[in-house]
Structures are given as structure tokens and as C-alpha cells.
Amino acid sequence: MARRGFGVATTSELAMACLFLLAFFSPTTATATATAPPDTMSIISYNAEHGVRGLERTEAEARAAYDLWAARHGRRLYSNTLGEHERRFRVFWENLKFVDAHNARADESGGFRLGMNRFADLTNAEFRAAYLSTTTTPAGTGRGGGRRVVGEMYRHDGVEALPESVDWREMGAVAPVKNQGQCGSCWAFSAVAAVEGINKIVTGKLVTLSEQELVECSKNGQNSGCNGGMMDDAFDFIARNGGIDTDADYPYTARDGKCDLAKRNTNKIVSIDGFEDVPENDEASLRKAVSRQPVSVAIDAGGREFQLYESGVFTGRCGTSLDHGVVAVGYGTDIATGEDYWTVRNSWGPDWGENGYIRMERNVTAREGKCGIAMMASYPVKKGPNPSPSPSPTPAYEKCDRHSKCPVGTTCCCNHAIRNYCLVWGCCPAKGATCCKDHSTCCPKEYPVCNAKARTCSKSKNSPYTVEALIRKPATMGQQA
């Protein structure tokens, strides 16, 4: 990736850590739930309901907005022992003023809008420290420190006509937005989305694939699970492994773990032949690539406007210190403003931006593209069918009762009971898990406290460290249990 010096960007690549470093939080600081609905509370809706302009908001009105926001995003009450509740409110209020001022300018002259999303009680420094990385590798290097594998397939000659707009979502080549949670795995989500897209294009089937397999099994090159990685190294792993498993069979847990060798070696559901890099600093070539398939891209996502982005074509401030892996799934021109844009899918859940997406300015003056989007783009190559399914080994089970059983490595959870007798059992996809009282979710042993309303799990009752709750699967029935 790149650092900017004296107005000139020197290309260098980044081990995509997207780290969720939590050291800056006090023990009572809360994190936002990853399952908030996409229509997050916007400050404009609050203003409309209360008849106030944001820049004229009183402290009482700001506190009312904070209470609504905290309830909407599943924030736990902060302990006042260290004044953390007040500190978080003050940060929220500063972001509120920033959002109000920006949106007031947008009301007058147009432009993208900001909102009080789930990052609204973090300073920008906290946001960058928690979600992004600053680690770089030497300029021009690629996976594992080697040279980048630049392909010629999508190099634009300056003459070839390209479609005016493309949206791979409309063609069924993009799975629903996912959430990487408290794990620096943006590289895995970016790579998986690109592979899902090319598989749909070649085979006609959209198969949702496993980021967790990459987190736990892809240790090649610069890949290091929740501590970061590179999209090229992820593609290289999938190609060399002969394929990748589905998300349903190898579900995401938002934490590092031991590679399931049985699934890695047996369940090679979708394969690719290799990967190539788009010629760098060339938006025309990137446009050609995106017109043919979804493309993994790296961007500088560390700005305050990016943090609080809500809608519109993003023309805000950002640099070229690439720190986040995402996927470009289309491009077009905004009908109302005439602004050209890239459609980019993020991995921060559907409650951020435009239902999990951001439209980023396209055809900018800088060769690197907006936020460096043209600096390090890559795509998987797939020409043929997927591997034939291997015979599945007979799974090992543990008994829940005489009639029900769950696979080894999972936890039996009662889904429906009468007078302390369980009638219906479910299987939690984690060993030693806590079965939540909602009878549908469960929590891994590292995060044993359930929050059924927010569908999250925490390390302790007042801990700010949370992950998304796991979903139970039906237990296997039969006399042989």
C-alpha cells in the first residue's frame, strides 16, 4: 500500500490486518452490536421529529439523541466508576456536531451524507486503531513479499468501449453483506466475495463460501487470521488447496481457531484456477475488470467521514495509506448529481453506509483513484467447473438424549422443553458453548454471557468485548443417537 510524501504517493502493499485492537477501551466500554438493522437512526430524522437544527442542539437534546442511539445499537450501560459513560457521550456529541455540520452543508449544496452509525461513540483515532491497520511492506511487493502478479486480461488500451454502468448485485453474483466482527479478517471477506462472484458468473450458481476456513487455514504469505492478511494470498491458498468450503459447513466465528483439516481436505466446493492483479493506478483498467467480475480492492478507510458515512457518492477526504480490504461490485453515474462512482461492498454489516455498501467517487484526478482504490486491485481466475464432491466421511456424534445427537465439537442445546424435559434439541457450532435463553442462539466459551435481545455474546456481564451469537442447527434424530 502507500504512504504520501510531498504530494507523491509511493506504492507499497499492506498486510490487511483491519485489526480490532481493543486496548484503548476501558474495561467498561461497550461495543456496537453487529446485528443492528440497516435503517440506523439518522440525526436528520431526530431533527425532523423534534424541530431543531443540529447546530443549535442543546446538551439535553444531545443526551436524548444519545439515549436513542444507545438503545438502537444495543449499547450496554457504562459504569460511571471511571466516568466512561460521560466520556462516550462527549465523543458522541462531538461526532453529532460533525455530522450535523456536514449534512447542513449537504442540504445547501448537495453531496454525500453522514449518519450516527454504530461507530458514533468512537473518536476517529479510536476507530482507526480498532478497525484499521498501518503495517506496510516494501513498494511494489505482493504476496509473501514477492512481486505482484499483474495480469494483462483487463488492461485497458484507452480505446475499448466499456458498459456505462454495471451492478453485479442485479445479476445475482453478490451474496448478502456480512460482518467480520471483532476480527481483522477484511482480507478474507474481500477475497471470498470475489470468488463467490466469479463462481456465479462461470457456473450460474451463487454459493456462499467460508471466510473462517481462510482465517484458520490460510497461513501462507502474509495471512495471519484475525491479525490480518492479503487478498492475493487468500486466492493463492484457494487455488493451491483445490477449492474452499461453504460458509454453512465451515461457519464464521470471528475468532482464530485450529484449522479443520477434514473440511479443508474434503469439502472443496468451489475452486479457482489462480488470480491476477489489475494494472495499478489505472481506473480504466479497474473499470474493465469490474465490468467482467467483482474485484477485490484495498482502500484508505481511516477518515472521519468514511467512519460515519451514510449515503451518497463519497467525495470526502482520504489518503492512499491502504488499510482495509473490500470488493468492488459495480460502477455507474448518479442520476441526480452526475457523479461517477464505484459500488463497493464492505464487511461491517448491513447497518453501515447504504445497507453495507459505499459508493465511492470514480474518475478522479489522482491516478491512484479515490482513497487508493486503483492501487492494489486483484481478481480470481476461474475457467472450468468446480471439483466433484468427495465422499463425506461418516461424522462422529455425541448424544443429547436417547433420540437426538449433535456432531462432535458442538454443544447440545435444548430448543424446546416441558417441565425440565427437552423435547427438541439443537446443536451449537462450538464446543463447551453457553445455550442462550432465546432457544435459538448460543455463545462460545470465550464469550459465555448471552445478550438475547442484541444477539451478541460477551466475556462477562459488563464486558465491552462482544461477538455475534452463534445460531443453533437442528439435532439429528433417530433411534441410533
Protein backbone atom coordinates (compact mmCIF):
# COMPACT_ATOMS: atom_id res chain seq x y z
CA MET A 1 0.00 0.00 0.00
CA ALA A 2 1.15 3.58 0.06
CA ARG A 3 2.37 6.47 2.11
CA ARG A 4 2.03 10.04 0.85
CA GLY A 5 5.10 12.27 0.96
CA PHE A 6 5.44 15.75 -0.52
CA GLY A 7 2.30 15.15 -2.56
CA VAL A 8 3.61 11.98 -4.22
CA ALA A 9 2.22 8.52 -3.37
CA THR A 10 4.77 5.73 -3.25
CA THR A 11 3.05 2.38 -3.89
CA SER A 12 3.52 -0.21 -1.18
CA GLU A 13 1.35 -3.08 -0.04
CA LEU A 14 -0.28 -3.70 3.23
CA ALA A 15 -0.91 -6.84 5.23
CA MET A 16 -4.65 -6.28 5.58
CA ALA A 17 -4.98 -6.51 9.30
CA CYS A 18 -8.19 -4.45 9.76
CA LEU A 19 -7.32 -5.04 13.41
CA PHE A 20 -9.92 -4.79 16.13
CA LEU A 21 -7.41 -3.71 18.77
CA LEU A 22 -9.37 -3.09 21.92
CA ALA A 23 -6.60 -1.90 24.19
CA PHE A 24 -7.81 1.69 24.05
CA PHE A 25 -11.13 0.75 25.69
CA SER A 26 -11.55 0.76 29.42
CA PRO A 27 -12.94 -2.49 30.86
CA THR A 28 -16.44 -0.99 30.86
CA THR A 29 -16.54 0.38 27.34
CA ALA A 30 -19.24 -1.14 25.15
CA THR A 31 -19.02 -2.11 21.50
CA ALA A 32 -21.83 -1.89 18.98
CA THR A 33 -23.87 -4.91 18.11
CA ALA A 34 -23.24 -6.28 14.65
CA THR A 35 -26.90 -7.06 14.12
CA ALA A 36 -28.46 -3.60 14.16
CA PRO A 37 -31.00 -3.10 11.36
CA PRO A 38 -29.84 -1.30 8.23
CA ASP A 39 -32.05 1.74 8.82
CA THR A 40 -29.88 3.12 11.61
CA MET A 41 -31.10 6.20 13.44
CA SER A 42 -30.11 9.24 11.47
CA ILE A 43 -29.69 12.56 13.17
CA ILE A 44 -31.80 14.16 10.45
CA SER A 45 -34.80 12.04 11.47
CA TYR A 46 -34.28 13.16 15.07
CA ASN A 47 -34.16 16.81 14.00
CA ALA A 48 -37.34 16.43 11.96
CA GLU A 49 -39.19 14.91 14.91
CA HIS A 50 -38.00 17.48 17.43
CA GLY A 51 -37.97 20.60 15.27
CA VAL A 52 -34.35 21.51 15.89
CA ARG A 53 -31.31 22.20 13.77
CA GLY A 54 -28.34 20.10 14.79
CA LEU A 55 -26.02 23.08 15.16
CA GLU A 56 -28.46 24.56 17.70
CA ARG A 57 -28.86 21.35 19.72
CA THR A 58 -28.77 21.72 23.49
CA GLU A 59 -26.96 19.26 25.73
CA ALA A 60 -30.30 17.85 26.86
CA GLU A 61 -31.28 17.23 23.24
CA ALA A 62 -27.90 15.66 22.53
CA ARG A 63 -28.33 13.35 25.52
CA ALA A 64 -31.78 12.38 24.29
CA ALA A 65 -30.29 11.56 20.89
CA TYR A 66 -27.54 9.55 22.60
CA ASP A 67 -30.08 7.54 24.61
CA LEU A 68 -32.00 6.72 21.42
CA TRP A 69 -28.79 5.77 19.63
CA ALA A 70 -27.57 3.59 22.52
CA ALA A 71 -30.88 1.74 22.64
CA ARG A 72 -30.92 1.28 18.87
CA HIS A 73 -27.39 -0.13 18.78
CA GLY A 74 -27.63 -2.39 21.81
CA ARG A 75 -25.13 -0.42 23.88
CA ARG A 76 -24.79 -1.59 27.45
CA LEU A 77 -24.92 0.99 30.21
CA TYR A 78 -21.45 2.19 31.07
CA SER A 79 -20.19 2.11 34.62
CA ASN A 80 -19.56 5.61 35.93
CA THR A 81 -16.62 4.40 38.04
CA LEU A 82 -14.15 5.87 35.56
CA GLY A 83 -16.53 8.37 34.01
CA GLU A 84 -16.71 6.23 30.87
CA HIS A 85 -20.40 6.88 30.25
CA GLU A 86 -19.82 10.62 30.26
CA ARG A 87 -16.71 10.30 28.09
CA ARG A 88 -18.57 8.25 25.50
CA PHE A 89 -21.42 10.75 25.46
CA ARG A 90 -18.95 13.61 24.88
CA VAL A 91 -17.39 11.73 21.97
CA PHE A 92 -20.88 11.04 20.60
CA TRP A 93 -21.80 14.73 20.91
CA GLU A 94 -18.66 15.82 19.05
CA ASN A 95 -19.46 13.37 16.26
CA LEU A 96 -23.06 14.60 16.32
CA LYS A 97 -21.90 18.18 15.76
CA PHE A 98 -19.62 17.00 12.96
CA VAL A 99 -22.45 15.07 11.28
CA ASP A 100 -24.92 17.95 11.67
CA ALA A 101 -22.48 20.48 10.22
CA HIS A 102 -21.63 18.24 7.28
CA ASN A 103 -25.25 17.44 6.49
CA ALA A 104 -26.23 21.11 6.76
CA ARG A 105 -23.70 21.86 4.02
CA ALA A 106 -25.04 18.91 2.02
CA ASP A 107 -28.57 20.32 2.36
CA GLU A 108 -27.41 23.57 0.81
CA SER A 109 -25.03 22.38 -1.90
CA GLY A 110 -25.64 18.64 -2.25
CA GLY A 111 -23.27 15.78 -1.64
CA PHE A 112 -22.96 12.60 0.37
CA ARG A 113 -24.42 12.37 3.86
CA LEU A 114 -23.15 11.22 7.22
CA GLY A 115 -25.06 9.45 9.98
CA MET A 116 -24.76 8.39 13.60
CA ASN A 117 -23.94 4.75 12.88
CA ARG A 118 -22.56 2.18 15.30
CA PHE A 119 -19.14 3.88 15.29
CA ALA A 120 -20.60 7.18 16.53
CA ASP A 121 -19.22 6.99 20.09
CA LEU A 122 -15.65 6.41 18.90
CA THR A 123 -13.15 9.16 18.18
CA ASN A 124 -11.57 8.84 14.76
CA ALA A 125 -8.29 7.83 16.41
CA GLU A 126 -10.10 5.05 18.30
CA PHE A 127 -11.90 3.96 15.15
CA ARG A 128 -8.64 3.73 13.19
CA ALA A 129 -6.85 1.93 16.00
CA ALA A 130 -9.71 -0.55 16.40
CA TYR A 131 -10.61 -1.30 12.80
CA LEU A 132 -7.70 -0.47 10.53
CA SER A 133 -4.00 -1.20 10.10
CA THR A 134 -0.85 0.80 9.41
CA THR A 135 1.54 -2.04 8.64
CA THR A 136 3.21 -1.79 5.22
CA THR A 137 5.57 -3.88 3.10
CA PRO A 138 8.16 -2.69 0.57
CA ALA A 139 6.89 -0.86 -2.50
CA GLY A 140 5.80 -2.99 -5.41
CA THR A 141 5.86 -6.25 -3.47
CA GLY A 142 2.99 -8.67 -3.36
CA ARG A 143 2.03 -11.85 -1.58
CA GLY A 144 4.70 -13.10 0.76
CA GLY A 145 6.97 -10.21 -0.24
CA GLY A 146 7.16 -11.36 -3.90
CA ARG A 147 6.37 -9.29 -6.98
CA ARG A 148 2.72 -8.65 -7.80
CA VAL A 149 1.14 -10.93 -10.40
CA VAL A 150 -0.06 -8.24 -12.81
CA GLY A 151 -2.40 -9.61 -15.47
CA GLU A 152 -2.98 -8.30 -18.98
CA MET A 153 -6.52 -9.65 -19.35
CA TYR A 154 -8.15 -6.43 -18.16
CA ARG A 155 -5.54 -3.85 -19.13
CA HIS A 156 -7.44 -1.08 -20.92
CA ASP A 157 -6.00 0.19 -24.18
CA GLY A 158 -7.68 3.58 -23.95
CA VAL A 159 -9.95 2.78 -26.89
CA GLU A 160 -12.16 -0.18 -25.97
CA ALA A 161 -15.76 0.79 -25.19
CA LEU A 162 -16.99 -0.33 -21.77
CA PRO A 163 -20.52 -0.50 -20.32
CA GLU A 164 -21.73 2.79 -18.86
CA SER A 165 -22.78 1.03 -15.67
CA VAL A 166 -22.51 -2.41 -14.05
CA ASP A 167 -24.05 -3.83 -10.88
CA TRP A 168 -23.23 -7.46 -10.12
CA ARG A 169 -25.85 -7.46 -7.36
CA GLU A 170 -28.55 -7.20 -10.01
CA MET A 171 -27.06 -10.24 -11.75
CA GLY A 172 -27.13 -12.35 -8.61
CA ALA A 173 -23.36 -12.55 -8.24
CA VAL A 174 -23.11 -10.92 -4.81
CA ALA A 175 -24.12 -12.58 -1.53
CA PRO A 176 -25.77 -10.58 1.28
CA VAL A 177 -23.48 -8.24 3.21
CA LYS A 178 -21.61 -9.95 6.04
CA ASN A 179 -19.97 -8.68 9.23
CA GLN A 180 -16.39 -9.54 10.12
CA GLY A 181 -17.00 -8.69 13.78
CA GLN A 182 -14.08 -8.28 16.17
CA CYS A 183 -11.56 -10.00 13.92
CA GLY A 184 -9.12 -8.46 11.46
CA SER A 185 -10.36 -10.58 8.60
CA CYS A 186 -11.41 -7.98 6.00
CA TRP A 187 -8.92 -9.64 3.59
CA ALA A 188 -10.84 -12.93 3.84
CA PHE A 189 -14.23 -11.27 3.27
CA SER A 190 -12.91 -9.37 0.26
CA ALA A 191 -11.38 -12.48 -1.31
CA VAL A 192 -14.40 -14.69 -0.63
CA ALA A 193 -16.80 -12.16 -2.18
CA ALA A 194 -14.68 -12.03 -5.34
CA VAL A 195 -14.58 -15.85 -5.56
CA GLU A 196 -18.34 -16.08 -4.95
CA GLY A 197 -18.84 -13.64 -7.82
CA ILE A 198 -16.68 -15.37 -10.42
CA ASN A 199 -18.15 -18.75 -9.45
CA LYS A 200 -21.66 -17.41 -10.12
CA ILE A 201 -20.54 -15.98 -13.47
CA VAL A 202 -18.89 -19.22 -14.61
CA THR A 203 -21.24 -21.85 -13.15
CA GLY A 204 -24.51 -19.94 -12.79
CA LYS A 205 -24.72 -20.72 -9.06
CA LEU A 206 -24.13 -18.32 -6.16
CA VAL A 207 -22.56 -20.33 -3.34
CA THR A 208 -21.79 -18.55 -0.06
CA LEU A 209 -18.26 -19.53 0.94
CA SER A 210 -16.28 -19.78 4.17
CA GLU A 211 -14.23 -16.86 5.43
CA GLN A 212 -13.49 -18.92 8.53
CA GLU A 213 -11.58 -21.51 6.51
CA LEU A 214 -9.29 -18.74 5.28
CA VAL A 215 -8.90 -17.31 8.80
CA GLU A 216 -7.94 -20.67 10.28
CA CYS A 217 -6.23 -22.50 7.41
CA SER A 218 -4.65 -19.91 5.09
CA LYS A 219 -1.33 -19.19 6.78
CA ASN A 220 0.60 -18.70 3.54
CA GLY A 221 2.26 -15.42 2.62
CA GLN A 222 1.20 -12.62 4.95
CA ASN A 223 -2.05 -14.21 6.10
CA SER A 224 -2.42 -14.40 9.87
CA GLY A 225 -6.09 -14.96 10.64
CA CYS A 226 -7.65 -12.24 12.78
CA ASN A 227 -4.31 -10.44 12.78
CA GLY A 228 -4.60 -9.62 9.10
CA GLY A 229 -3.78 -10.89 5.64
CA MET A 230 -3.77 -10.21 1.91
CA MET A 231 -6.40 -10.95 -0.70
CA ASP A 232 -3.78 -12.29 -3.15
CA ASP A 233 -2.58 -14.76 -0.52
CA ALA A 234 -6.17 -15.86 0.06
CA PHE A 235 -6.65 -16.50 -3.68
CA ASP A 236 -3.35 -18.37 -3.75
CA PHE A 237 -4.48 -20.60 -0.88
CA ILE A 238 -7.81 -21.45 -2.53
CA ALA A 239 -6.14 -22.27 -5.85
CA ARG A 240 -3.42 -24.43 -4.28
CA ASN A 241 -5.87 -26.15 -1.94
CA GLY A 242 -8.10 -27.13 -4.85
CA GLY A 243 -11.10 -25.24 -3.52
CA ILE A 244 -12.85 -23.78 -0.48
CA ASP A 245 -15.73 -24.94 1.72
CA THR A 246 -19.14 -23.30 2.15
CA ASP A 247 -20.00 -20.90 4.95
CA ALA A 248 -22.78 -23.22 6.08
CA ASP A 249 -20.39 -26.14 6.56
CA TYR A 250 -17.47 -24.10 7.95
CA PRO A 251 -19.27 -21.18 9.67
CA TYR A 252 -17.72 -17.88 10.67
CA THR A 253 -16.88 -17.35 14.35
CA ALA A 254 -14.99 -14.02 14.26
CA ARG A 255 -12.01 -15.53 16.06
CA ASP A 256 -8.88 -17.52 15.35
CA GLY A 257 -9.02 -21.27 15.73
CA LYS A 258 -7.45 -24.53 14.68
CA CYS A 259 -7.84 -25.41 11.00
CA ASP A 260 -10.40 -28.17 10.45
CA LEU A 261 -8.23 -30.37 8.23
CA ALA A 262 -11.06 -32.78 7.47
CA LYS A 263 -13.16 -30.00 5.95
CA ARG A 264 -10.19 -28.32 4.28
CA ASN A 265 -9.07 -31.52 2.61
CA THR A 266 -12.51 -32.93 1.79
CA ASN A 267 -15.03 -30.14 1.22
CA LYS A 268 -13.59 -28.31 -1.80
CA ILE A 269 -16.89 -26.96 -3.05
CA VAL A 270 -15.76 -24.01 -5.21
CA SER A 271 -12.37 -23.82 -6.92
CA ILE A 272 -10.42 -21.20 -8.85
CA ASP A 273 -7.53 -21.59 -11.29
CA GLY A 274 -5.47 -18.72 -9.90
CA PHE A 275 -5.54 -14.94 -9.61
CA GLU A 276 -4.16 -11.79 -11.21
CA ASP A 277 -3.67 -8.17 -10.22
CA VAL A 278 -5.24 -5.26 -12.11
CA PRO A 279 -2.59 -2.87 -13.52
CA GLU A 280 -2.07 -0.42 -10.66
CA ASN A 281 -3.04 3.24 -10.67
CA ASP A 282 -5.29 2.72 -13.69
CA GLU A 283 -9.00 3.37 -13.14
CA ALA A 284 -9.80 2.49 -16.76
CA SER A 285 -8.33 -0.99 -16.31
CA LEU A 286 -10.13 -1.36 -12.98
CA ARG A 287 -13.38 -0.38 -14.69
CA LYS A 288 -12.78 -3.03 -17.35
CA ALA A 289 -12.12 -5.64 -14.67
CA VAL A 290 -15.24 -4.72 -12.67
CA SER A 291 -17.32 -4.85 -15.86
CA ARG A 292 -16.37 -8.55 -16.11
CA GLN A 293 -16.46 -9.66 -12.44
CA PRO A 294 -16.41 -8.44 -8.81
CA VAL A 295 -12.88 -7.32 -7.91
CA SER A 296 -11.05 -7.24 -4.56
CA VAL A 297 -9.70 -3.76 -3.82
CA ALA A 298 -7.79 -2.11 -0.99
CA ILE A 299 -8.65 1.39 0.22
CA ASP A 300 -7.78 4.00 2.81
CA ALA A 301 -10.83 3.81 5.10
CA GLY A 302 -9.44 5.77 8.03
CA GLY A 303 -11.10 9.17 7.61
CA ARG A 304 -13.76 10.51 9.95
CA GLU A 305 -16.16 10.97 7.04
CA PHE A 306 -15.64 7.35 5.99
CA GLN A 307 -16.23 6.24 9.58
CA LEU A 308 -19.62 7.99 9.71
CA TYR A 309 -20.65 7.57 6.05
CA GLU A 310 -24.36 7.01 5.50
CA SER A 311 -25.32 7.60 1.85
CA GLY A 312 -24.50 9.25 -1.46
CA VAL A 313 -21.37 9.33 -3.61
CA PHE A 314 -18.43 9.57 -1.22
CA THR A 315 -16.21 12.50 -2.19
CA GLY A 316 -14.78 13.03 1.29
CA ARG A 317 -11.22 13.31 2.50
CA CYS A 318 -9.00 10.23 2.41
CA GLY A 319 -5.43 9.36 1.52
CA THR A 320 -3.65 6.41 -0.04
CA SER A 321 -2.38 4.60 3.06
CA LEU A 322 -4.34 1.46 2.25
CA ASP A 323 -5.67 -0.16 5.39
CA HIS A 324 -8.86 -2.05 4.50
CA GLY A 325 -9.88 -4.80 2.07
CA VAL A 326 -13.29 -4.59 0.34
CA VAL A 327 -14.76 -5.62 -3.03
CA ALA A 328 -15.88 -3.50 -6.00
CA VAL A 329 -19.14 -4.98 -7.32
CA GLY A 330 -20.08 -2.34 -9.88
CA TYR A 331 -19.91 1.24 -11.06
CA GLY A 332 -22.19 3.88 -12.52
CA THR A 333 -23.21 7.53 -12.52
CA ASP A 334 -25.56 9.15 -10.01
CA ILE A 335 -28.59 10.39 -11.93
CA ALA A 336 -29.24 13.31 -9.61
CA THR A 337 -25.69 14.66 -9.33
CA GLY A 338 -23.95 13.32 -12.42
CA GLU A 339 -21.12 11.97 -10.24
CA ASP A 340 -19.36 8.80 -11.38
CA TYR A 341 -18.93 6.18 -8.65
CA TRP A 342 -17.72 2.72 -7.72
CA THR A 343 -20.14 0.43 -5.85
CA VAL A 344 -18.12 -1.11 -3.02
CA ARG A 345 -19.26 -3.83 -0.64
CA ASN A 346 -17.89 -3.52 2.89
CA SER A 347 -17.77 -6.16 5.66
CA TRP A 348 -19.05 -4.08 8.60
CA GLY A 349 -22.61 -5.40 8.42
CA PRO A 350 -25.73 -4.02 6.71
CA ASP A 351 -26.19 -1.23 9.28
CA TRP A 352 -23.23 0.77 7.92
CA GLY A 353 -23.50 3.03 4.87
CA GLU A 354 -26.00 2.18 2.16
CA ASN A 355 -27.08 -1.20 3.58
CA GLY A 356 -23.45 -2.24 3.94
CA TYR A 357 -22.20 -0.59 0.73
CA ILE A 358 -20.48 2.67 -0.12
CA ARG A 359 -20.49 4.48 -3.44
CA MET A 360 -17.03 5.96 -3.93
CA GLU A 361 -16.14 8.73 -6.35
CA ARG A 362 -14.80 7.43 -9.70
CA ASN A 363 -12.71 9.09 -12.42
CA VAL A 364 -10.80 11.32 -10.02
CA THR A 365 -7.72 13.34 -10.93
CA ALA A 366 -5.35 11.21 -8.82
CA ARG A 367 -4.04 8.15 -10.68
CA GLU A 368 -4.44 6.07 -7.53
CA GLY A 369 -8.21 6.59 -7.54
CA LYS A 370 -10.39 7.68 -4.65
CA CYS A 371 -8.88 6.51 -1.37
CA GLY A 372 -6.33 4.50 -3.37
CA ILE A 373 -8.93 2.14 -4.86
CA ALA A 374 -6.90 1.65 -8.07
CA MET A 375 -3.61 0.91 -6.33
CA MET A 376 -3.96 -2.75 -5.37
CA ALA A 377 -6.91 -4.46 -7.06
CA SER A 378 -6.96 -8.18 -7.82
CA TYR A 379 -9.36 -10.85 -9.01
CA PRO A 380 -9.64 -14.65 -9.04
CA VAL A 381 -9.40 -16.52 -12.36
CA LYS A 382 -11.83 -19.37 -13.00
CA LYS A 383 -12.37 -21.14 -16.31
CA GLY A 384 -13.86 -24.54 -15.55
CA PRO A 385 -16.32 -26.39 -13.34
CA ASN A 386 -15.95 -26.99 -9.64
CA PRO A 387 -14.48 -30.25 -8.28
CA SER A 388 -16.72 -33.27 -7.92
CA PRO A 389 -17.81 -33.67 -4.31
CA SER A 390 -15.67 -36.10 -2.33
CA PRO A 391 -17.45 -38.83 -0.37
CA SER A 392 -18.12 -37.42 3.05
CA PRO A 393 -16.70 -39.40 5.96
CA THR A 394 -19.19 -40.72 8.47
CA PRO A 395 -19.43 -37.95 11.04
CA ALA A 396 -18.87 -38.62 14.73
CA TYR A 397 -21.69 -37.68 17.08
CA GLU A 398 -22.32 -37.10 20.77
CA LYS A 399 -25.67 -37.94 22.33
CA CYS A 400 -28.03 -35.22 23.57
CA ASP A 401 -30.51 -37.87 24.75
CA ARG A 402 -31.65 -41.30 23.57
CA HIS A 403 -33.17 -39.89 20.40
CA SER A 404 -31.05 -36.88 19.46
CA LYS A 405 -27.38 -36.27 18.74
CA CYS A 406 -25.01 -33.49 17.67
CA PRO A 407 -21.68 -33.66 15.82
CA VAL A 408 -18.53 -33.95 17.91
CA GLY A 409 -17.14 -30.49 18.60
CA THR A 410 -20.57 -28.90 19.01
CA THR A 411 -22.80 -28.39 22.07
CA CYS A 412 -26.26 -29.84 22.65
CA CYS A 413 -28.77 -27.07 23.47
CA CYS A 414 -32.40 -27.60 24.31
CA ASN A 415 -34.66 -25.70 21.91
CA HIS A 416 -37.98 -26.68 23.50
CA ALA A 417 -38.69 -28.22 26.88
CA ILE A 418 -41.70 -29.06 29.04
CA ARG A 419 -41.24 -29.48 32.80
CA ASN A 420 -37.48 -29.77 32.50
CA TYR A 421 -37.77 -32.48 29.84
CA CYS A 422 -36.26 -31.49 26.49
CA LEU A 423 -38.43 -32.33 23.51
CA VAL A 424 -36.38 -30.67 20.75
CA TRP A 425 -32.60 -30.38 20.70
CA GLY A 426 -30.33 -28.07 18.71
CA CYS A 427 -26.59 -28.09 18.04
CA CYS A 428 -24.43 -25.05 18.78
CA PRO A 429 -21.42 -24.91 16.38
CA ALA A 430 -18.89 -24.54 19.22
CA LYS A 431 -17.65 -26.89 21.91
CA GLY A 432 -18.42 -26.01 25.53
CA ALA A 433 -20.82 -23.25 24.47
CA THR A 434 -23.44 -21.43 26.55
CA CYS A 435 -27.02 -22.07 25.39
CA CYS A 436 -28.90 -18.77 25.35
CA LYS A 437 -32.40 -18.47 26.80
CA ASP A 438 -33.91 -17.43 23.45
CA HIS A 439 -33.66 -21.13 22.47
CA SER A 440 -32.14 -20.29 19.08
CA THR A 441 -28.67 -18.87 19.72
CA CYS A 442 -25.60 -19.78 21.78
CA CYS A 443 -22.29 -18.28 22.83
CA PRO A 444 -18.75 -19.68 22.52
CA LYS A 445 -16.94 -20.47 25.76
CA GLU A 446 -14.61 -17.48 25.31
CA TYR A 447 -17.70 -15.19 25.33
CA PRO A 448 -20.13 -17.07 27.60
CA VAL A 449 -22.59 -14.29 28.52
CA CYS A 450 -25.67 -14.07 26.28
CA ASN A 451 -27.46 -10.89 25.28
CA ALA A 452 -30.51 -12.41 23.62
CA LYS A 453 -32.04 -9.06 22.59
CA ALA A 454 -28.92 -7.89 20.77
CA ARG A 455 -27.99 -11.46 19.76
CA THR A 456 -24.44 -10.94 20.99
CA CYS A 457 -22.07 -12.68 23.42
CA SER A 458 -19.66 -11.04 25.85
CA LYS A 459 -16.76 -12.15 28.04
CA SER A 460 -18.52 -11.09 31.26
CA LYS A 461 -21.67 -9.29 32.33
CA ASN A 462 -20.24 -5.79 31.94
CA SER A 463 -17.55 -6.54 29.39
CA PRO A 464 -17.40 -4.37 26.24
CA TYR A 465 -15.88 -7.20 24.23
CA THR A 466 -18.65 -8.85 22.24
CA VAL A 467 -19.14 -11.15 19.27
CA GLU A 468 -22.23 -12.12 17.34
CA ALA A 469 -24.18 -15.00 18.85
CA LEU A 470 -23.96 -18.35 17.06
CA ILE A 471 -27.06 -19.91 15.51
CA ARG A 472 -28.08 -23.40 16.55
CA LYS A 473 -28.75 -26.09 13.98
CA PRO A 474 -31.32 -28.90 14.45
CA ALA A 475 -30.01 -32.01 16.12
CA THR A 476 -30.04 -35.32 14.27
CA MET A 477 -32.97 -37.52 15.24
CA GLY A 478 -33.16 -41.29 15.32
CA GLN A 479 -33.04 -44.39 17.47
CA GLN A 480 -29.30 -44.74 16.83
CA ALA A 481 -28.47 -41.50 18.64
